[in-house]
């Protein structure tokens, strides 16, 4: 186990959605025509998209989730409740390799990731899909609230604060309007909630985008947990959104049942369901700087 964790750390060190304009998303070379803008940003809603910003692009991202709307008018349908926010920075060393870091208010997580576009879909015959791989690490800065009661600190070892994920993102742009994506995800928790819980979790994400006008598109994503690694009750993550392109930027609004913003949170620890009204309004917005 220690060897495996060490390998993950070495391969994926701790190092996110509206893009500046189409040119920053992908730099096609002069010898091969590649499909561009399968998605309009590096995020769909919660899920990572297959996209990598263009070479030497610095992306500053704000991701925001309000409270549950089932609180009713008393909480202004979740807008009065405490929000979950992530600030992130991503930098593309090339048009295929991005390194990034972020800080999420929920569970006080710091995350770092490497994201690499392994394959690019070509126009016409050739490569039918784009494939991007991503490895990430997460570290919580939370304090154990039960340390005094239990007589021990569950974060006694620094390694107990760490979680890792790896995902392979496979997408295809079928037409100028329709893009679909599938994402197998592996997550390893160094510290689990219960003694009977497993450290490893698997899930598959399904997502898509359909352009309805020149400047608007609808998005959808659904995360299917593959294994019951914990006895706790958690739900599959689901979101529906609207992309609005304005002046070279894209603003994304959506509804999701996930409070968390990064993979170990939304993919495996979504505690509310759409059926019970446990959904919340959110948005992603970013600004890209070309150096």
Protein backbone atom coordinates (compact mmCIF):
# COMPACT_ATOMS: atom_id res chain seq x y z
CA UNK A 1 0.00 0.00 0.00
CA UNK A 2 2.77 2.44 0.92
CA UNK A 3 4.54 1.70 -2.37
CA UNK A 4 1.34 2.32 -4.34
CA UNK A 5 0.68 5.59 -2.56
CA UNK A 6 4.29 6.67 -3.11
CA UNK A 7 3.97 5.93 -6.84
CA UNK A 8 0.77 7.99 -7.09
CA UNK A 9 2.43 10.89 -5.32
CA UNK A 10 5.42 10.73 -7.66
CA UNK A 11 3.30 10.45 -10.79
CA UNK A 12 0.70 13.01 -9.83
CA UNK A 13 2.09 15.65 -7.44
CA UNK A 14 -0.11 18.21 -5.71
CA UNK A 15 0.03 20.98 -8.06
CA UNK A 16 -10.43 25.15 -12.85
CA UNK A 17 -15.17 26.84 -16.35
CA UNK A 18 -15.64 29.61 -18.74
CA UNK A 19 -12.71 30.02 -21.15
CA UNK A 20 -11.41 33.25 -22.69
CA UNK A 21 -12.08 32.34 -26.30
CA UNK A 22 -12.00 29.40 -28.68
CA UNK A 23 -8.37 29.95 -29.63
CA UNK A 24 -7.22 29.38 -26.05
CA UNK A 25 -8.83 25.97 -25.83
CA UNK A 26 -6.74 24.16 -28.44
CA UNK A 27 -3.84 24.89 -30.77
CA UNK A 28 -4.08 22.68 -33.84
CA UNK A 29 -0.84 22.05 -35.70
CA UNK A 30 -0.31 22.70 -39.39
CA UNK A 31 -0.13 19.04 -40.48
CA UNK A 32 -3.27 17.60 -38.89
CA UNK A 33 -6.75 19.04 -38.54
CA UNK A 34 -8.17 18.33 -35.11
CA UNK A 35 -11.69 18.77 -33.81
CA UNK A 36 -11.86 21.88 -31.62
CA UNK A 37 -14.06 22.85 -28.67
CA UNK A 38 -15.65 19.51 -27.93
CA UNK A 39 -16.69 21.37 -24.78
CA UNK A 40 -16.40 25.11 -24.22
CA UNK A 41 -14.41 24.88 -20.99
CA UNK A 42 -12.29 22.70 -18.77
CA UNK A 43 -15.33 21.83 -16.62
CA UNK A 44 -18.78 20.62 -17.64
CA UNK A 45 -20.55 21.23 -14.33
CA UNK A 46 -18.67 19.42 -11.59
CA UNK A 47 -16.91 16.99 -13.90
CA UNK A 48 -13.68 17.72 -15.67
CA UNK A 49 -14.03 17.99 -19.44
CA UNK A 50 -11.64 16.61 -22.01
CA UNK A 51 -10.40 20.12 -22.82
CA UNK A 52 -6.94 21.56 -22.11
CA UNK A 53 -6.39 25.34 -22.45
CA UNK A 54 -3.98 26.47 -25.16
CA UNK A 55 -0.24 26.62 -24.64
CA UNK A 56 0.95 29.07 -21.96
CA UNK A 57 -2.59 29.94 -20.85
CA UNK A 58 -3.16 30.74 -17.18
CA UNK A 59 -6.74 30.09 -16.09
CA UNK A 60 -8.21 31.57 -12.90
CA UNK A 61 -11.44 29.84 -11.90
CA UNK A 62 -14.19 30.47 -9.37
CA UNK A 63 -16.67 27.67 -8.68
CA UNK A 64 -19.65 28.47 -6.44
CA UNK A 65 -22.45 26.35 -4.95
CA UNK A 66 -25.30 27.82 -2.88
CA UNK A 67 -27.38 25.94 -0.28
CA UNK A 68 -30.21 23.47 -0.84
CA UNK A 69 -33.29 24.98 -2.46
CA UNK A 70 -35.60 22.79 -0.35
CA UNK A 71 -35.03 25.24 2.51
CA UNK A 72 -37.81 27.24 0.90
CA UNK A 73 -38.47 30.96 0.98
CA UNK A 74 -37.12 31.28 4.52
CA UNK A 75 -33.59 30.69 3.22
CA UNK A 76 -34.42 32.29 -0.15
CA UNK A 77 -34.19 28.82 -1.67
CA UNK A 78 -30.63 28.25 -0.52
CA UNK A 79 -29.17 31.62 -1.43
CA UNK A 80 -29.02 32.65 2.24
CA UNK A 81 -27.24 29.49 3.32
CA UNK A 82 -23.51 29.01 3.51
CA UNK A 83 -21.93 28.53 0.10
CA UNK A 84 -19.22 26.18 -1.10
CA UNK A 85 -16.51 27.96 -3.08
CA UNK A 86 -13.38 26.83 -4.89
CA UNK A 87 -10.67 29.13 -6.22
CA UNK A 88 -8.33 27.53 -8.73
CA UNK A 89 -5.37 28.28 -10.95
CA UNK A 90 -4.39 26.16 -13.94
CA UNK A 91 -1.45 26.69 -16.27
CA UNK A 92 -0.85 24.92 -19.59
CA UNK A 93 2.80 24.11 -20.15
CA UNK A 94 1.83 22.96 -23.65
CA UNK A 95 -1.47 22.70 -25.53
CA UNK A 96 -1.72 19.15 -24.17
CA UNK A 97 -0.40 19.41 -20.59
CA UNK A 98 -1.92 21.43 -17.74
CA UNK A 99 -0.89 21.72 -14.11
CA UNK A 100 -3.21 23.22 -11.51
CA UNK A 101 -3.92 23.93 -7.88
CA UNK A 102 -7.05 24.94 -5.96
CA UNK A 103 -8.57 25.58 -2.54
CA UNK A 104 -12.11 24.50 -1.64
CA UNK A 105 -13.98 25.87 1.38
CA UNK A 106 -15.87 22.58 1.84
CA UNK A 107 -13.70 20.32 4.03
CA UNK A 108 -10.92 22.89 3.64
CA UNK A 109 -9.35 20.96 0.78
CA UNK A 110 -6.25 21.96 -1.15
CA UNK A 111 -6.00 20.12 -4.47
CA UNK A 112 -3.33 19.80 -7.14
CA UNK A 113 -3.50 18.03 -10.47
CA UNK A 114 -1.82 17.13 -13.73
CA UNK A 115 -4.00 16.86 -16.83
CA UNK A 116 -2.72 15.57 -20.18
CA UNK A 117 -4.50 15.22 -23.52
CA UNK A 118 -3.32 11.83 -24.69
CA UNK A 119 -5.32 11.62 -27.93
CA UNK A 120 -7.11 14.23 -30.03
CA UNK A 121 -10.12 13.60 -32.24
CA UNK A 122 -9.41 14.33 -35.89
CA UNK A 123 -11.64 15.76 -38.59
CA UNK A 124 -12.78 13.03 -40.94
CA UNK A 125 -11.04 9.65 -40.87
CA UNK A 126 -8.47 9.02 -38.17
CA UNK A 127 -8.86 9.30 -34.42
CA UNK A 128 -12.58 9.06 -33.51
CA UNK A 129 -12.30 10.35 -29.91
CA UNK A 130 -10.28 12.62 -27.67
CA UNK A 131 -8.74 11.12 -24.53
CA UNK A 132 -7.41 13.12 -21.59
CA UNK A 133 -5.94 11.60 -18.44
CA UNK A 134 -5.78 13.34 -15.09
CA UNK A 135 -4.18 12.58 -11.74
CA UNK A 136 -4.87 14.64 -8.63
CA UNK A 137 -4.06 14.82 -4.94
CA UNK A 138 -6.07 16.43 -2.13
CA UNK A 139 -5.11 17.51 1.36
CA UNK A 140 -7.58 18.62 4.05
CA UNK A 141 -6.71 21.34 6.55
CA UNK A 142 -9.60 20.44 8.86
CA UNK A 143 -9.13 19.84 12.57
CA UNK A 144 -10.63 16.79 14.22
CA UNK A 145 -13.68 18.15 16.13
CA UNK A 146 -13.88 15.02 18.30
CA UNK A 147 -10.22 14.89 19.32
CA UNK A 148 -10.85 16.04 22.91
CA UNK A 149 -13.81 13.67 23.36
CA UNK A 150 -12.16 10.61 21.84
CA UNK A 151 -8.75 11.25 23.31
CA UNK A 152 -6.97 11.01 19.96
CA UNK A 153 -6.62 13.02 16.73
CA UNK A 154 -7.76 11.18 13.62
CA UNK A 155 -5.32 13.36 11.64
CA UNK A 156 -2.38 12.31 13.80
CA UNK A 157 -0.40 11.39 10.69
CA UNK A 158 -0.14 13.84 7.79
CA UNK A 159 -0.89 10.99 5.38
CA UNK A 160 -4.33 10.71 6.98
CA UNK A 161 -5.18 14.07 5.38
CA UNK A 162 -4.46 12.88 1.84
CA UNK A 163 -6.71 11.52 -0.90
CA UNK A 164 -5.88 10.72 -4.54
CA UNK A 165 -7.79 10.28 -7.78
CA UNK A 166 -7.11 9.21 -11.33
CA UNK A 167 -9.46 9.52 -14.30
CA UNK A 168 -9.47 8.81 -18.01
CA UNK A 169 -11.74 11.23 -19.90
CA UNK A 170 -13.03 9.99 -23.27
CA UNK A 171 -15.10 12.36 -25.42
CA UNK A 172 -16.42 12.67 -28.96
CA UNK A 173 -17.86 15.66 -30.78
CA UNK A 174 -20.51 14.05 -32.97
CA UNK A 175 -21.78 17.23 -34.62
CA UNK A 176 -21.36 20.97 -34.20
CA UNK A 177 -24.17 20.75 -31.64
CA UNK A 178 -23.66 17.46 -29.79
CA UNK A 179 -20.72 16.29 -27.67
CA UNK A 180 -20.69 13.30 -25.30
CA UNK A 181 -18.18 12.13 -22.72
CA UNK A 182 -17.54 9.15 -20.45
CA UNK A 183 -15.12 9.23 -17.50
CA UNK A 184 -14.00 6.24 -15.42
CA UNK A 185 -12.73 7.49 -12.04
CA UNK A 186 -10.60 5.77 -9.37
CA UNK A 187 -10.34 7.37 -5.91
CA UNK A 188 -8.13 6.33 -2.99
CA UNK A 189 -8.86 7.59 0.55
CA UNK A 190 -5.97 7.24 2.98
CA UNK A 191 -8.44 7.81 5.83
CA UNK A 192 -12.00 6.46 5.69
CA UNK A 193 -15.03 7.40 7.79
CA UNK A 194 -15.72 3.99 9.33
CA UNK A 195 -13.49 1.05 10.19
CA UNK A 196 -15.45 -1.17 7.80
CA UNK A 197 -15.07 1.22 4.86
CA UNK A 198 -12.78 0.42 1.95
CA UNK A 199 -10.00 2.77 0.91
CA UNK A 200 -10.61 2.44 -2.82
CA UNK A 201 -13.67 3.63 -4.74
CA UNK A 202 -14.67 3.42 -8.40
CA UNK A 203 -17.19 5.46 -10.39
CA UNK A 204 -18.11 6.32 -13.97
CA UNK A 205 -19.18 9.79 -15.10
CA UNK A 206 -21.48 10.39 -18.09
CA UNK A 207 -21.84 13.89 -19.50
CA UNK A 208 -22.88 15.79 -22.59
CA UNK A 209 -23.41 19.16 -24.20
CA UNK A 210 -25.99 20.23 -26.80
CA UNK A 211 -25.85 23.63 -28.46
CA UNK A 212 -29.32 25.16 -28.80
CA UNK A 213 -28.42 28.58 -30.23
CA UNK A 214 -25.27 30.26 -31.46
CA UNK A 215 -24.35 31.37 -27.95
CA UNK A 216 -26.20 28.94 -25.66
CA UNK A 217 -25.90 25.25 -24.87
CA UNK A 218 -27.40 22.86 -22.33
CA UNK A 219 -25.16 20.51 -20.35
CA UNK A 220 -25.81 17.44 -18.26
CA UNK A 221 -23.71 15.08 -16.13
CA UNK A 222 -24.34 11.98 -14.04
CA UNK A 223 -21.88 10.13 -11.83
CA UNK A 224 -22.53 6.44 -11.19
CA UNK A 225 -20.82 4.96 -8.13
CA UNK A 226 -19.51 1.50 -9.06
CA UNK A 227 -18.73 0.00 -5.64
CA UNK A 228 -20.28 0.43 -2.19
CA UNK A 229 -17.06 1.20 -0.38
CA UNK A 230 -18.91 2.64 2.64
CA UNK A 231 -22.05 1.85 4.63
CA UNK A 232 -22.92 5.56 4.71
CA UNK A 233 -25.85 6.69 2.52
CA UNK A 234 -24.62 8.71 -0.44
CA UNK A 235 -26.26 9.48 -3.77
CA UNK A 236 -25.09 9.65 -7.35
CA UNK A 237 -24.07 13.13 -8.44
CA UNK A 238 -26.24 14.74 -11.12
CA UNK A 239 -26.30 18.19 -12.66
CA UNK A 240 -28.02 20.09 -15.48
CA UNK A 241 -26.74 23.41 -16.70
CA UNK A 242 -26.82 26.20 -19.22
CA UNK A 243 -23.79 27.62 -21.01
CA UNK A 244 -24.01 31.24 -22.11
CA UNK A 245 -21.26 32.63 -24.36
CA UNK A 246 -20.80 36.38 -24.07
CA UNK A 247 -18.03 38.38 -25.68
CA UNK A 248 -15.56 35.53 -25.94
CA UNK A 249 -16.38 34.22 -22.46
CA UNK A 250 -18.66 31.48 -21.23
CA UNK A 251 -20.74 31.73 -18.08
CA UNK A 252 -22.16 28.49 -16.72
CA UNK A 253 -25.21 28.23 -14.46
CA UNK A 254 -26.58 24.92 -13.23
CA UNK A 255 -28.45 22.87 -10.66
CA UNK A 256 -26.67 20.01 -8.88
CA UNK A 257 -27.25 17.82 -5.85
CA UNK A 258 -23.55 17.86 -4.94
CA UNK A 259 -22.17 20.18 -2.29
CA UNK A 260 -18.55 19.25 -2.96
CA UNK A 261 -16.64 20.51 -5.98
CA UNK A 262 -13.67 18.14 -6.36
CA UNK A 263 -13.75 14.46 -7.28
CA UNK A 264 -13.58 12.73 -3.84
CA UNK A 265 -16.43 14.96 -2.67
CA UNK A 266 -18.99 15.03 -5.49
CA UNK A 267 -18.34 11.59 -6.95
CA UNK A 268 -18.55 9.60 -3.72
CA UNK A 269 -19.85 11.91 -0.95
CA UNK A 270 -22.99 13.52 -2.39
CA UNK A 271 -25.31 13.46 0.64
CA UNK A 272 -28.55 14.81 -0.92
CA UNK A 273 -30.76 13.71 -3.79
CA UNK A 274 -32.84 15.36 -6.48
CA UNK A 275 -35.86 13.32 -5.36
CA UNK A 276 -35.85 14.98 -1.94
CA UNK A 277 -35.20 18.46 -3.30
CA UNK A 278 -31.60 18.40 -2.12
CA UNK A 279 -30.35 20.43 -5.07
CA UNK A 280 -28.59 23.76 -5.23
CA UNK A 281 -27.91 26.54 -7.70
CA UNK A 282 -24.31 27.03 -8.74
CA UNK A 283 -22.06 28.63 -11.30
CA UNK A 284 -18.56 28.29 -12.74
CA UNK A 285 -16.68 31.24 -14.18
CA UNK A 286 -13.07 31.65 -15.22
CA UNK A 287 -10.70 34.11 -16.85
CA UNK A 288 -7.89 33.00 -19.12
CA UNK A 289 -4.65 34.92 -19.58
CA UNK A 290 -2.39 34.16 -22.53
CA UNK A 291 1.35 34.51 -21.84
